[in-house]
Amino acid sequence: MPENLPMPVTAPFSRAQKAMLLNLVVRAAEAEIMPRFRTLDAGDIDAKSGPADLVTVADTAAEALITRGLQRAFPHAVIVGEEAGDTDKDVRAKLSTAELGFTIDPVDGTWNFARGLPAFGTMLSACRFGRPVFGLIYDPVGRDVIWADMEAPATWRTRQGHTRDVKTADAKPLSELDGYIELNPLPDTHKRIAMTKCLDLAHFGNLRCSAHHYRLLAQGAVDFNLATKLSPWDHAAGVLITQQSGGHCAMLDGTPYDTSINNGYLLCASSEKVWQSIAEHFAELLA
């Protein structure tokens, strides 16, 4: 279908629509992101809320390219990119009432990207009334994607076109669990609680990149991801991909996730059993 003609909205998305979304992300990565990787000047990097919260010219240019493509294909959709959403809080609220909405994180893991570390990705989700129904996480370095919709298992597609379903890890005891947790955004009292609780796990860390946190969870490499910064572009795609790879996602208090939730703890785990074990272990954070 020509790019200048709107694509009809179907549920679930058609194969052509999903291919168009992937091609749009790949084009942004090849045109705006990878040519700037390890070539940024100091003037190409800026700080937003703090010195670790960065934005680069690659973020803004890639988001603009993807946004234009979505606007052409889905002219009535609500589109929320990270950079636009940071400056226009009202547009984020529109996701929960939109029949079709998109979230874009053009360079998730910007701190890594800006420092020359190849741990970053591009995340895109489609949502209906705030609930993700399609998710895509693309690795511009490896040039592969993990994606899913509501009707099919999560799939890993390589740059050569090979595909395979991905599956989360089998359940394990608490002492054998390995995962990711964001500690820095926590209040000091909660940070101390969380750090103490983490000592009962096999391993915990933080890659500074939700895209790879979710990819590794979906592939069965880790067992959980506990997030404390709930920007919708960081999580909508990952939540759906986790669910469609056999995992379980909900807020730490059991509330189902949707993009309107801005505060609290989002826990995604390899299974409902593991989710329950982690939720009980960290329940003190809800006090």
C-alpha atoms as a PDB file:
ATOM      1  CA  MET A   1       0.000   0.000   0.000  1.00  0.00           C
ATOM      2  CA  PRO A   2       1.425   3.418  -0.919  1.00  0.00           C
ATOM      3  CA  GLU A   3       2.738   5.373   2.081  1.00  0.00           C
ATOM      4  CA  ASN A   4       0.504   8.370   1.437  1.00  0.00           C
ATOM      5  CA  LEU A   5      -2.724   6.361   1.789  1.00  0.00           C
ATOM      6  CA  PRO A   6      -4.186   5.611   5.239  1.00  0.00           C
ATOM      7  CA  MET A   7      -4.159   1.947   6.219  1.00  0.00           C
ATOM      8  CA  PRO A   8      -7.489   0.521   7.393  1.00  0.00           C
ATOM      9  CA  VAL A   9      -7.547  -0.319  11.088  1.00  0.00           C
ATOM     10  CA  THR A  10      -8.128  -4.005  11.745  1.00  0.00           C
ATOM     11  CA  ALA A  11      -8.086  -6.027  14.950  1.00  0.00           C
ATOM     12  CA  PRO A  12      -5.670  -7.662  15.166  1.00  0.00           C
ATOM     13  CA  PHE A  13      -3.324  -5.830  12.819  1.00  0.00           C
ATOM     14  CA  SER A  14      -2.946  -7.432   9.419  1.00  0.00           C
ATOM     15  CA  ARG A  15       0.368  -8.859   8.226  1.00  0.00           C
ATOM     16  CA  ALA A  16       0.772  -5.839   5.937  1.00  0.00           C
ATOM     17  CA  GLN A  17       0.216  -3.419   8.803  1.00  0.00           C
ATOM     18  CA  LYS A  18       2.749  -5.164  11.031  1.00  0.00           C
ATOM     19  CA  ALA A  19       5.288  -5.237   8.197  1.00  0.00           C
ATOM     20  CA  MET A  20       4.737  -1.523   7.638  1.00  0.00           C
ATOM     21  CA  LEU A  21       5.343  -0.777  11.336  1.00  0.00           C
ATOM     22  CA  LEU A  22       8.540  -2.832  11.383  1.00  0.00           C
ATOM     23  CA  ASN A  23       9.801  -1.221   8.163  1.00  0.00           C
ATOM     24  CA  LEU A  24       9.130   2.214   9.629  1.00  0.00           C
ATOM     25  CA  VAL A  25      11.205   1.429  12.716  1.00  0.00           C
ATOM     26  CA  VAL A  26      14.006  -0.139  10.669  1.00  0.00           C
ATOM     27  CA  ARG A  27      14.118   2.912   8.403  1.00  0.00           C
ATOM     28  CA  ALA A  28      14.389   5.226  11.414  1.00  0.00           C
ATOM     29  CA  ALA A  29      17.195   3.120  12.866  1.00  0.00           C
ATOM     30  CA  GLU A  30      19.162   3.051   9.632  1.00  0.00           C
ATOM     31  CA  ALA A  31      18.618   6.694   8.717  1.00  0.00           C
ATOM     32  CA  GLU A  32      18.690   8.491  12.069  1.00  0.00           C
ATOM     33  CA  ILE A  33      20.065   6.259  14.841  1.00  0.00           C
ATOM     34  CA  MET A  34      22.942   4.054  13.688  1.00  0.00           C
ATOM     35  CA  PRO A  35      24.746   6.737  11.623  1.00  0.00           C
ATOM     36  CA  ARG A  36      25.014   8.742  14.878  1.00  0.00           C
ATOM     37  CA  PHE A  37      26.118   5.862  17.124  1.00  0.00           C
ATOM     38  CA  ARG A  38      29.586   6.652  18.521  1.00  0.00           C
ATOM     39  CA  THR A  39      29.761   9.787  16.362  1.00  0.00           C
ATOM     40  CA  LEU A  40      27.852  12.209  18.626  1.00  0.00           C
ATOM     41  CA  ASP A  41      29.404  15.546  19.531  1.00  0.00           C
ATOM     42  CA  ALA A  42      28.820  17.176  22.908  1.00  0.00           C
ATOM     43  CA  GLY A  43      26.284  19.493  21.309  1.00  0.00           C
ATOM     44  CA  ASP A  44      24.248  16.511  20.109  1.00  0.00           C
ATOM     45  CA  ILE A  45      23.470  15.421  23.693  1.00  0.00           C
ATOM     46  CA  ASP A  46      21.277  17.214  26.203  1.00  0.00           C
ATOM     47  CA  ALA A  47      19.918  16.452  29.677  1.00  0.00           C
ATOM     48  CA  LYS A  48      16.215  16.474  30.545  1.00  0.00           C
ATOM     49  CA  SER A  49      15.187  15.844  34.158  1.00  0.00           C
ATOM     50  CA  GLY A  50      18.753  15.213  35.344  1.00  0.00           C
ATOM     51  CA  PRO A  51      22.296  14.340  34.256  1.00  0.00           C
ATOM     52  CA  ALA A  52      21.412  10.658  33.685  1.00  0.00           C
ATOM     53  CA  ASP A  53      18.215  11.431  31.731  1.00  0.00           C
ATOM     54  CA  LEU A  54      19.582  12.224  28.298  1.00  0.00           C
ATOM     55  CA  VAL A  55      18.212  13.050  24.874  1.00  0.00           C
ATOM     56  CA  THR A  56      20.206  13.125  21.653  1.00  0.00           C
ATOM     57  CA  VAL A  57      19.613  14.316  18.121  1.00  0.00           C
ATOM     58  CA  ALA A  58      19.087  10.659  17.205  1.00  0.00           C
ATOM     59  CA  ASP A  59      16.131  10.419  19.615  1.00  0.00           C
ATOM     60  CA  THR A  60      14.354  13.464  18.225  1.00  0.00           C
ATOM     61  CA  ALA A  61      15.057  12.716  14.560  1.00  0.00           C
ATOM     62  CA  ALA A  62      14.033   9.042  14.789  1.00  0.00           C
ATOM     63  CA  GLU A  63      10.859   9.889  16.694  1.00  0.00           C
ATOM     64  CA  ALA A  64       9.920  12.507  14.101  1.00  0.00           C
ATOM     65  CA  LEU A  65      10.400  10.014  11.244  1.00  0.00           C
ATOM     66  CA  ILE A  66       8.323   7.305  12.937  1.00  0.00           C
ATOM     67  CA  THR A  67       5.615   9.787  13.930  1.00  0.00           C
ATOM     68  CA  ARG A  68       5.251  11.040  10.350  1.00  0.00           C
ATOM     69  CA  GLY A  69       4.892   7.486   9.079  1.00  0.00           C
ATOM     70  CA  LEU A  70       2.240   6.630  11.671  1.00  0.00           C
ATOM     71  CA  GLN A  71       0.307   9.808  10.936  1.00  0.00           C
ATOM     72  CA  ARG A  72       0.158   8.923   7.251  1.00  0.00           C
ATOM     73  CA  ALA A  73      -0.892   5.328   7.862  1.00  0.00           C
ATOM     74  CA  PHE A  74      -3.252   5.919  10.826  1.00  0.00           C
ATOM     75  CA  PRO A  75      -4.362   9.558  10.619  1.00  0.00           C
ATOM     76  CA  HIS A  76      -6.902   9.282  13.459  1.00  0.00           C
ATOM     77  CA  ALA A  77      -4.620   7.546  15.953  1.00  0.00           C
ATOM     78  CA  VAL A  78      -3.204   9.187  19.076  1.00  0.00           C
ATOM     79  CA  ILE A  79       0.594   9.103  18.841  1.00  0.00           C
ATOM     80  CA  VAL A  80       2.744   9.536  21.945  1.00  0.00           C
ATOM     81  CA  GLY A  81       6.510   9.618  21.506  1.00  0.00           C
ATOM     82  CA  GLU A  82       8.899   9.912  24.417  1.00  0.00           C
ATOM     83  CA  GLU A  83      10.253  13.315  23.456  1.00  0.00           C
ATOM     84  CA  ALA A  84       6.831  14.781  22.612  1.00  0.00           C
ATOM     85  CA  GLY A  85       5.247  13.131  25.653  1.00  0.00           C
ATOM     86  CA  ASP A  86       7.837  14.626  27.971  1.00  0.00           C
ATOM     87  CA  THR A  87       6.848  18.116  26.875  1.00  0.00           C
ATOM     88  CA  ASP A  88       3.086  17.563  26.407  1.00  0.00           C
ATOM     89  CA  LYS A  89       1.646  15.662  29.387  1.00  0.00           C
ATOM     90  CA  ASP A  90      -1.920  16.003  28.057  1.00  0.00           C
ATOM     91  CA  VAL A  91      -1.257  13.805  25.035  1.00  0.00           C
ATOM     92  CA  ARG A  92      -0.301  10.903  27.328  1.00  0.00           C
ATOM     93  CA  ALA A  93      -3.731  11.029  28.973  1.00  0.00           C
ATOM     94  CA  LYS A  94      -5.428  10.682  25.577  1.00  0.00           C
ATOM     95  CA  LEU A  95      -4.077   7.134  25.180  1.00  0.00           C
ATOM     96  CA  SER A  96      -6.557   5.710  27.696  1.00  0.00           C
ATOM     97  CA  THR A  97      -9.568   6.938  25.701  1.00  0.00           C
ATOM     98  CA  ALA A  98      -8.223   6.349  22.193  1.00  0.00           C
ATOM     99  CA  GLU A  99      -9.557   3.481  20.125  1.00  0.00           C
ATOM    100  CA  LEU A 100      -6.096   3.338  18.568  1.00  0.00           C
ATOM    101  CA  GLY A 101      -2.976   4.850  20.056  1.00  0.00           C
ATOM    102  CA  PHE A 102       0.751   4.373  19.535  1.00  0.00           C
ATOM    103  CA  THR A 103       3.702   4.803  21.873  1.00  0.00           C
ATOM    104  CA  ILE A 104       7.214   5.376  20.542  1.00  0.00           C
ATOM    105  CA  ASP A 105      10.521   5.151  22.365  1.00  0.00           C
ATOM    106  CA  PRO A 106      12.927   5.982  19.531  1.00  0.00           C
ATOM    107  CA  VAL A 107      16.122   5.223  21.462  1.00  0.00           C
ATOM    108  CA  ASP A 108      15.406   3.375  24.672  1.00  0.00           C
ATOM    109  CA  GLY A 109      18.634   3.292  26.639  1.00  0.00           C
ATOM    110  CA  THR A 110      19.740   6.756  25.544  1.00  0.00           C
ATOM    111  CA  TRP A 111      22.400   6.940  28.280  1.00  0.00           C
ATOM    112  CA  ASN A 112      24.012   3.796  26.843  1.00  0.00           C
ATOM    113  CA  PHE A 113      23.671   5.083  23.269  1.00  0.00           C
ATOM    114  CA  ALA A 114      25.215   8.445  24.153  1.00  0.00           C
ATOM    115  CA  ARG A 115      28.133   6.726  25.904  1.00  0.00           C
ATOM    116  CA  GLY A 116      28.827   4.329  23.018  1.00  0.00           C
ATOM    117  CA  LEU A 117      27.420   1.185  24.651  1.00  0.00           C
ATOM    118  CA  PRO A 118      25.493  -1.080  22.210  1.00  0.00           C
ATOM    119  CA  ALA A 119      22.626  -1.758  24.642  1.00  0.00           C
ATOM    120  CA  PHE A 120      19.717   0.285  23.312  1.00  0.00           C
ATOM    121  CA  GLY A 121      16.618  -0.358  21.268  1.00  0.00           C
ATOM    122  CA  THR A 122      13.563   1.109  19.576  1.00  0.00           C
ATOM    123  CA  MET A 123      10.175   0.320  21.127  1.00  0.00           C
ATOM    124  CA  LEU A 124       6.781   0.745  19.463  1.00  0.00           C
ATOM    125  CA  SER A 125       3.368  -0.283  20.740  1.00  0.00           C
ATOM    126  CA  ALA A 126      -0.207  -0.017  19.574  1.00  0.00           C
ATOM    127  CA  CYS A 127      -2.867   0.363  22.253  1.00  0.00           C
ATOM    128  CA  ARG A 128      -6.648   0.252  22.403  1.00  0.00           C
ATOM    129  CA  PHE A 129      -8.096   2.318  25.233  1.00  0.00           C
ATOM    130  CA  GLY A 130      -4.781   2.231  27.053  1.00  0.00           C
ATOM    131  CA  ARG A 131      -4.184  -1.525  26.795  1.00  0.00           C
ATOM    132  CA  PRO A 132      -1.338  -2.684  24.523  1.00  0.00           C
ATOM    133  CA  VAL A 133      -2.453  -4.927  21.640  1.00  0.00           C
ATOM    134  CA  PHE A 134       0.767  -4.907  19.594  1.00  0.00           C
ATOM    135  CA  GLY A 135       4.377  -4.530  20.674  1.00  0.00           C
ATOM    136  CA  LEU A 136       7.684  -4.322  18.835  1.00  0.00           C
ATOM    137  CA  ILE A 137      11.210  -4.073  20.273  1.00  0.00           C
ATOM    138  CA  TYR A 138      13.905  -3.625  17.641  1.00  0.00           C
ATOM    139  CA  ASP A 139      17.647  -3.887  18.238  1.00  0.00           C
ATOM    140  CA  PRO A 140      19.350  -1.493  15.776  1.00  0.00           C
ATOM    141  CA  VAL A 141      22.755  -3.063  16.454  1.00  0.00           C
ATOM    142  CA  GLY A 142      21.722  -6.686  15.917  1.00  0.00           C
ATOM    143  CA  ARG A 143      19.082  -5.622  13.378  1.00  0.00           C
ATOM    144  CA  ASP A 144      16.541  -8.074  14.778  1.00  0.00           C
ATOM    145  CA  VAL A 145      13.136  -7.699  16.379  1.00  0.00           C
ATOM    146  CA  ILE A 146      10.952  -9.348  18.982  1.00  0.00           C
ATOM    147  CA  TRP A 147       7.284  -8.567  18.436  1.00  0.00           C
ATOM    148  CA  ALA A 148       3.819  -9.803  19.318  1.00  0.00           C
ATOM    149  CA  ASP A 149       0.129  -9.064  19.065  1.00  0.00           C
ATOM    150  CA  MET A 150      -2.866 -10.305  21.043  1.00  0.00           C
ATOM    151  CA  GLU A 151      -3.510 -13.214  18.689  1.00  0.00           C
ATOM    152  CA  ALA A 152      -0.124 -14.915  18.428  1.00  0.00           C
ATOM    153  CA  PRO A 153       2.964 -15.890  20.445  1.00  0.00           C
ATOM    154  CA  ALA A 154       5.850 -13.457  20.696  1.00  0.00           C
ATOM    155  CA  THR A 155       8.288 -14.000  17.830  1.00  0.00           C
ATOM    156  CA  TRP A 156      11.953 -13.237  17.280  1.00  0.00           C
ATOM    157  CA  ARG A 157      12.771 -12.279  13.679  1.00  0.00           C
ATOM    158  CA  THR A 158      16.398 -12.019  12.570  1.00  0.00           C
ATOM    159  CA  ARG A 159      17.746  -9.637   9.930  1.00  0.00           C
ATOM    160  CA  GLN A 160      17.923 -12.617   7.545  1.00  0.00           C
ATOM    161  CA  GLY A 161      14.184 -13.171   7.978  1.00  0.00           C
ATOM    162  CA  HIS A 162      14.379 -16.312  10.149  1.00  0.00           C
ATOM    163  CA  THR A 163      11.714 -16.485  12.849  1.00  0.00           C
ATOM    164  CA  ARG A 164      11.066 -18.463  16.006  1.00  0.00           C
ATOM    165  CA  ASP A 165       8.699 -18.154  18.929  1.00  0.00           C
ATOM    166  CA  VAL A 166      10.203 -16.982  22.207  1.00  0.00           C
ATOM    167  CA  LYS A 167       9.241 -18.331  25.619  1.00  0.00           C
ATOM    168  CA  THR A 168       9.871 -17.135  29.138  1.00  0.00           C
ATOM    169  CA  ALA A 169      11.867 -19.210  31.610  1.00  0.00           C
ATOM    170  CA  ASP A 170      10.453 -22.016  33.729  1.00  0.00           C
ATOM    171  CA  ALA A 171       9.489 -21.228  37.314  1.00  0.00           C
ATOM    172  CA  LYS A 172      12.239 -21.313  39.957  1.00  0.00           C
ATOM    173  CA  PRO A 173      12.491 -20.825  43.723  1.00  0.00           C
ATOM    174  CA  LEU A 174      12.990 -17.261  44.921  1.00  0.00           C
ATOM    175  CA  SER A 175      16.669 -17.862  45.717  1.00  0.00           C
ATOM    176  CA  GLU A 176      17.343 -18.828  42.077  1.00  0.00           C
ATOM    177  CA  LEU A 177      15.615 -15.889  40.415  1.00  0.00           C
ATOM    178  CA  ASP A 178      17.548 -13.441  38.224  1.00  0.00           C
ATOM    179  CA  GLY A 179      16.123 -10.141  37.039  1.00  0.00           C
ATOM    180  CA  TYR A 180      16.160  -6.384  36.750  1.00  0.00           C
ATOM    181  CA  ILE A 181      15.014  -3.698  39.163  1.00  0.00           C
ATOM    182  CA  GLU A 182      15.174   0.100  38.921  1.00  0.00           C
ATOM    183  CA  LEU A 183      16.460   1.314  42.291  1.00  0.00           C
ATOM    184  CA  ASN A 184      17.479   4.910  41.589  1.00  0.00           C
ATOM    185  CA  PRO A 185      13.974   6.418  41.170  1.00  0.00           C
ATOM    186  CA  LEU A 186      12.833   5.014  44.547  1.00  0.00           C
ATOM    187  CA  PRO A 187      12.455   7.132  47.685  1.00  0.00           C
ATOM    188  CA  ASP A 188      15.327   6.445  50.094  1.00  0.00           C
ATOM    189  CA  THR A 189      13.220   4.347  52.479  1.00  0.00           C
ATOM    190  CA  HIS A 190      11.910   2.156  49.662  1.00  0.00           C
ATOM    191  CA  LYS A 191      15.364   1.940  48.109  1.00  0.00           C
ATOM    192  CA  ARG A 192      16.756   0.422  51.314  1.00  0.00           C
ATOM    193  CA  ILE A 193      13.862  -2.029  51.528  1.00  0.00           C
ATOM    194  CA  ALA A 194      14.297  -3.103  47.909  1.00  0.00           C
ATOM    195  CA  MET A 195      18.072  -3.513  48.203  1.00  0.00           C
ATOM    196  CA  THR A 196      17.644  -5.697  51.286  1.00  0.00           C
ATOM    197  CA  LYS A 197      15.018  -7.826  49.530  1.00  0.00           C
ATOM    198  CA  CYS A 198      17.277  -8.245  46.498  1.00  0.00           C
ATOM    199  CA  LEU A 199      19.853 -10.021  48.666  1.00  0.00           C
ATOM    200  CA  ASP A 200      17.518 -13.039  48.747  1.00  0.00           C
ATOM    201  CA  LEU A 201      17.645 -13.389  44.956  1.00  0.00           C
ATOM    202  CA  ALA A 202      20.255 -15.128  42.828  1.00  0.00           C
ATOM    203  CA  HIS A 203      21.115 -11.962  40.921  1.00  0.00           C
ATOM    204  CA  PHE A 204      19.706  -8.532  40.133  1.00  0.00           C
ATOM    205  CA  GLY A 205      20.870  -5.667  37.970  1.00  0.00           C
ATOM    206  CA  ASN A 206      19.865  -2.840  35.658  1.00  0.00           C
ATOM    207  CA  LEU A 207      20.973  -2.416  32.034  1.00  0.00           C
ATOM    208  CA  ARG A 208      19.586   1.166  31.850  1.00  0.00           C
ATOM    209  CA  CYS A 209      17.482  -0.113  28.958  1.00  0.00           C
ATOM    210  CA  SER A 210      13.897  -1.349  29.213  1.00  0.00           C
ATOM    211  CA  ALA A 211      14.084  -2.641  25.643  1.00  0.00           C
ATOM    212  CA  HIS A 212      16.711  -5.229  26.525  1.00  0.00           C
ATOM    213  CA  HIS A 213      15.190  -5.943  29.936  1.00  0.00           C
ATOM    214  CA  TYR A 214      12.005  -7.049  28.170  1.00  0.00           C
ATOM    215  CA  ARG A 215      13.765  -8.852  25.323  1.00  0.00           C
ATOM    216  CA  LEU A 216      15.800 -10.937  27.755  1.00  0.00           C
ATOM    217  CA  LEU A 217      12.734 -11.668  29.875  1.00  0.00           C
ATOM    218  CA  ALA A 218      10.765 -12.832  26.827  1.00  0.00           C
ATOM    219  CA  GLN A 219      13.660 -15.048  25.709  1.00  0.00           C
ATOM    220  CA  GLY A 220      13.913 -16.788  29.087  1.00  0.00           C
ATOM    221  CA  ALA A 221      17.323 -15.328  29.977  1.00  0.00           C
ATOM    222  CA  VAL A 222      16.011 -13.617  33.150  1.00  0.00           C
ATOM    223  CA  ASP A 223      12.989 -14.176  35.372  1.00  0.00           C
ATOM    224  CA  PHE A 224      11.541 -10.757  36.177  1.00  0.00           C
ATOM    225  CA  ASN A 225      11.608  -7.015  35.606  1.00  0.00           C
ATOM    226  CA  LEU A 226      10.461  -4.662  38.393  1.00  0.00           C
ATOM    227  CA  ALA A 227      10.006  -1.129  37.040  1.00  0.00           C
ATOM    228  CA  THR A 228       9.492   2.045  39.026  1.00  0.00           C
ATOM    229  CA  LYS A 229       9.421   4.671  36.252  1.00  0.00           C
ATOM    230  CA  LEU A 230       6.173   4.127  34.371  1.00  0.00           C
ATOM    231  CA  SER A 231       6.357   6.169  31.177  1.00  0.00           C
ATOM    232  CA  PRO A 232       4.087   4.316  28.707  1.00  0.00           C
ATOM    233  CA  TRP A 233       6.681   4.261  25.912  1.00  0.00           C
ATOM    234  CA  ASP A 234       9.026   2.311  28.232  1.00  0.00           C
ATOM    235  CA  HIS A 235       6.602  -0.501  29.006  1.00  0.00           C
ATOM    236  CA  ALA A 236       3.555  -0.935  26.737  1.00  0.00           C
ATOM    237  CA  ALA A 237       5.405  -2.976  24.103  1.00  0.00           C
ATOM    238  CA  GLY A 238       7.319  -4.994  26.694  1.00  0.00           C
ATOM    239  CA  VAL A 239       4.220  -5.867  28.692  1.00  0.00           C
ATOM    240  CA  LEU A 240       2.465  -7.341  25.676  1.00  0.00           C
ATOM    241  CA  ILE A 241       5.566  -9.204  24.493  1.00  0.00           C
ATOM    242  CA  THR A 242       6.079 -10.679  27.970  1.00  0.00           C
ATOM    243  CA  GLN A 243       2.477 -11.830  28.150  1.00  0.00           C
ATOM    244  CA  GLN A 244       2.568 -13.371  24.686  1.00  0.00           C
ATOM    245  CA  SER A 245       5.786 -15.238  25.517  1.00  0.00           C
ATOM    246  CA  GLY A 246       4.181 -16.922  28.529  1.00  0.00           C
ATOM    247  CA  GLY A 247       4.829 -14.364  31.253  1.00  0.00           C
ATOM    248  CA  HIS A 248       2.609 -12.400  33.592  1.00  0.00           C
ATOM    249  CA  CYS A 249       2.509  -8.612  34.082  1.00  0.00           C
ATOM    250  CA  ALA A 250       0.608  -6.470  36.590  1.00  0.00           C
ATOM    251  CA  MET A 251       1.198  -3.684  39.029  1.00  0.00           C
ATOM    252  CA  LEU A 252       2.735  -4.893  42.290  1.00  0.00           C
ATOM    253  CA  ASP A 253      -0.669  -4.585  43.995  1.00  0.00           C
ATOM    254  CA  GLY A 254      -2.259  -6.803  41.317  1.00  0.00           C
ATOM    255  CA  THR A 255      -3.864  -4.027  39.277  1.00  0.00           C
ATOM    256  CA  PRO A 256      -3.804  -4.786  35.511  1.00  0.00           C
ATOM    257  CA  TYR A 257      -1.374  -2.565  33.637  1.00  0.00           C
ATOM    258  CA  ASP A 258      -2.537   0.180  31.293  1.00  0.00           C
ATOM    259  CA  THR A 259      -0.840   3.271  29.944  1.00  0.00           C
ATOM    260  CA  SER A 260      -2.720   5.668  32.230  1.00  0.00           C
ATOM    261  CA  ILE A 261      -0.843   4.416  35.322  1.00  0.00           C
ATOM    262  CA  ASN A 262       1.969   6.821  36.139  1.00  0.00           C
ATOM    263  CA  ASN A 263       2.921   5.787  39.675  1.00  0.00           C
ATOM    264  CA  GLY A 264       3.642   2.542  41.475  1.00  0.00           C
ATOM    265  CA  TYR A 265       5.582  -0.605  40.657  1.00  0.00           C
ATOM    266  CA  LEU A 266       5.144  -2.621  37.482  1.00  0.00           C
ATOM    267  CA  LEU A 267       6.196  -6.245  37.843  1.00  0.00           C
ATOM    268  CA  CYS A 268       6.633  -8.500  34.818  1.00  0.00           C
ATOM    269  CA  ALA A 269       7.693 -12.079  35.442  1.00  0.00           C
ATOM    270  CA  SER A 270       8.288 -15.304  33.547  1.00  0.00           C
ATOM    271  CA  SER A 271       5.065 -16.857  34.866  1.00  0.00           C
ATOM    272  CA  GLU A 272       2.182 -16.088  37.189  1.00  0.00           C
ATOM    273  CA  LYS A 273       3.799 -18.318  39.818  1.00  0.00           C
ATOM    274  CA  VAL A 274       7.055 -16.365  39.704  1.00  0.00           C
ATOM    275  CA  TRP A 275       5.114 -13.078  39.635  1.00  0.00           C
ATOM    276  CA  GLN A 276       3.311 -14.075  42.834  1.00  0.00           C
ATOM    277  CA  SER A 277       6.575 -15.048  44.528  1.00  0.00           C
ATOM    278  CA  ILE A 278       8.264 -11.735  43.660  1.00  0.00           C
ATOM    279  CA  ALA A 279       5.140  -9.708  44.529  1.00  0.00           C
ATOM    280  CA  GLU A 280       4.932 -11.265  47.970  1.00  0.00           C
ATOM    281  CA  HIS A 281       8.661 -10.762  48.547  1.00  0.00           C
ATOM    282  CA  PHE A 282       8.511  -7.053  47.680  1.00  0.00           C
ATOM    283  CA  ALA A 283       5.063  -6.378  49.195  1.00  0.00           C
ATOM    284  CA  GLU A 284       6.610  -4.129  51.835  1.00  0.00           C
ATOM    285  CA  LEU A 285       7.127  -1.510  49.098  1.00  0.00           C
ATOM    286  CA  LEU A 286       3.340  -1.024  49.061  1.00  0.00           C
ATOM    287  CA  ALA A 287       3.176  -0.056  52.732  1.00  0.00           C
END
